[in-house]
Amino acid sequence: MGDPEFGGVLANIADFRCAALALPEASEGAHMGHPDFRVRNKIFASLGVPDAAWGMVKLTPEQQEMLMAAEPAPSSPPPAPGGRRGSTHVRLAAVDRTTLRSALTMAWRNVAPKGLVAK
């Protein structure tokens, strides 16, 4: 069972924002007209991509494959080339909060400095 704050309930924009900003040194910015989430100025996730019902997490291709195998309905790669590099769209109304938090944490770890990840 997931923790009571995030487990089992489908996600929304507020959940995405809250989970992203709960990660160490995460901040919210904007890029190409969409809110994004960064760690030390490196983007690890965005909201509103491709539209308001979706978010994007910056995974590795292996992490993307794992997420899509486990949760095929709420996740999909964007059109190439980003999708081939691991960027993954997540449909908020179809993903549970635990899975969303896990995907955001993986994305954060992928771009955060190694010293920060180790803390």
Protein backbone atom coordinates (compact mmCIF):
# COMPACT_ATOMS: atom_id res chain seq x y z
CA MET A 1 0.00 0.00 0.00
CA GLY A 2 1.31 3.45 -0.92
CA ASP A 3 1.53 6.28 1.53
CA PRO A 4 -1.83 7.89 2.38
CA GLU A 5 -0.97 11.23 0.77
CA PHE A 6 -0.44 9.78 -2.72
CA GLY A 7 -1.42 6.09 -2.83
CA GLY A 8 -4.18 4.66 -4.98
CA VAL A 9 -5.99 7.82 -6.03
CA LEU A 10 -5.82 9.14 -9.58
CA ALA A 11 -3.67 12.22 -10.08
CA ASN A 12 -4.44 15.76 -11.19
CA ILE A 13 -2.44 18.91 -11.97
CA ALA A 14 -2.17 19.87 -8.29
CA ASP A 15 -0.81 16.40 -7.42
CA PHE A 16 1.78 16.63 -10.21
CA ARG A 17 2.90 20.08 -9.03
CA CYS A 18 2.97 19.07 -5.35
CA ALA A 19 4.93 15.85 -5.99
CA ALA A 20 7.44 17.60 -8.28
CA LEU A 21 8.05 20.47 -5.87
CA ALA A 22 8.46 18.08 -2.92
CA LEU A 23 11.71 16.82 -4.45
CA PRO A 24 14.95 18.35 -3.12
CA GLU A 25 15.79 21.75 -4.62
CA ALA A 26 12.96 21.47 -7.17
CA SER A 27 11.55 24.71 -8.51
CA GLU A 28 8.84 25.67 -10.95
CA GLY A 29 9.55 27.67 -14.08
CA ALA A 30 8.18 27.93 -17.59
CA HIS A 31 9.39 26.74 -20.96
CA MET A 32 7.64 27.15 -24.31
CA GLY A 33 4.49 28.39 -22.56
CA HIS A 34 4.19 25.42 -20.20
CA PRO A 35 4.98 25.11 -16.49
CA ASP A 36 8.09 23.04 -15.93
CA PHE A 37 9.93 21.66 -12.94
CA ARG A 38 13.67 21.92 -12.54
CA VAL A 39 16.48 20.96 -10.26
CA ARG A 40 19.41 23.37 -10.43
CA ASN A 41 17.97 24.80 -13.65
CA LYS A 42 17.67 21.41 -15.43
CA ILE A 43 14.14 20.43 -16.48
CA PHE A 44 12.92 17.06 -15.24
CA ALA A 45 9.16 17.43 -15.86
CA SER A 46 6.54 19.67 -17.50
CA LEU A 47 2.79 20.17 -17.28
CA GLY A 48 0.44 20.77 -20.19
CA VAL A 49 2.41 18.71 -22.70
CA PRO A 50 0.86 17.93 -25.17
CA ASP A 51 -2.25 19.52 -23.58
CA ALA A 52 -3.74 20.30 -20.15
CA ALA A 53 -4.64 16.65 -19.49
CA TRP A 54 -1.00 15.52 -19.63
CA GLY A 55 2.38 15.97 -18.01
CA MET A 56 5.81 14.94 -19.23
CA VAL A 57 8.62 13.29 -17.28
CA LYS A 58 12.21 13.04 -18.50
CA LEU A 59 13.01 9.35 -18.15
CA THR A 60 15.68 7.18 -19.67
CA PRO A 61 14.53 4.88 -22.50
CA GLU A 62 14.75 1.93 -20.08
CA GLN A 63 12.63 3.71 -17.46
CA GLN A 64 10.13 4.71 -20.15
CA GLU A 65 9.83 1.09 -21.26
CA MET A 66 9.33 -0.06 -17.67
CA LEU A 67 6.63 2.57 -17.00
CA MET A 68 4.79 1.84 -20.22
CA ALA A 69 4.84 -1.90 -19.52
CA ALA A 70 3.47 -1.38 -16.02
CA GLU A 71 1.02 1.45 -16.83
CA PRO A 72 0.22 1.42 -20.57
CA ALA A 73 -2.98 3.50 -20.39
CA PRO A 74 -1.59 6.58 -18.69
CA SER A 75 1.81 6.78 -20.40
CA SER A 76 3.15 7.16 -23.92
CA PRO A 77 6.27 8.44 -25.63
CA PRO A 78 5.96 11.76 -27.41
CA PRO A 79 6.77 11.96 -31.12
CA ALA A 80 10.46 11.53 -31.99
CA PRO A 81 13.11 12.54 -31.18
CA GLY A 82 12.23 13.20 -27.51
CA GLY A 83 10.29 9.96 -27.15
CA ARG A 84 13.26 7.89 -28.29
CA ARG A 85 15.39 9.55 -25.61
CA GLY A 86 12.93 8.69 -22.81
CA SER A 87 10.68 11.73 -22.48
CA THR A 88 7.32 10.27 -21.52
CA HIS A 89 3.82 11.75 -21.54
CA VAL A 90 1.66 10.87 -18.54
CA ARG A 91 -2.13 11.27 -18.72
CA LEU A 92 -3.00 12.66 -15.30
CA ALA A 93 -6.57 11.35 -15.07
CA ALA A 94 -5.33 7.80 -15.74
CA VAL A 95 -2.28 7.55 -13.49
CA ASP A 96 -2.40 6.94 -9.76
CA ARG A 97 -0.51 9.24 -7.43
CA THR A 98 2.00 6.57 -6.38
CA THR A 99 3.02 5.86 -9.97
CA LEU A 100 3.18 9.58 -10.74
CA ARG A 101 5.41 10.24 -7.75
CA SER A 102 7.68 7.36 -8.76
CA ALA A 103 7.98 8.67 -12.34
CA LEU A 104 8.71 12.21 -11.12
CA THR A 105 11.35 10.90 -8.71
CA MET A 106 13.06 8.92 -11.47
CA ALA A 107 13.01 11.99 -13.73
CA TRP A 108 14.42 14.18 -10.94
CA ARG A 109 17.21 11.66 -10.25
CA ASN A 110 18.07 11.60 -13.96
CA VAL A 111 18.92 15.32 -14.07
CA ALA A 112 19.91 16.18 -10.50
CA PRO A 113 23.62 16.45 -9.69
CA LYS A 114 25.04 13.20 -8.31
CA GLY A 115 25.97 14.86 -5.00
CA LEU A 116 22.39 16.01 -4.46
CA VAL A 117 20.98 12.60 -5.36
CA ALA A 118 23.34 10.97 -2.85
CA LYS A 119 22.00 13.10 0.03
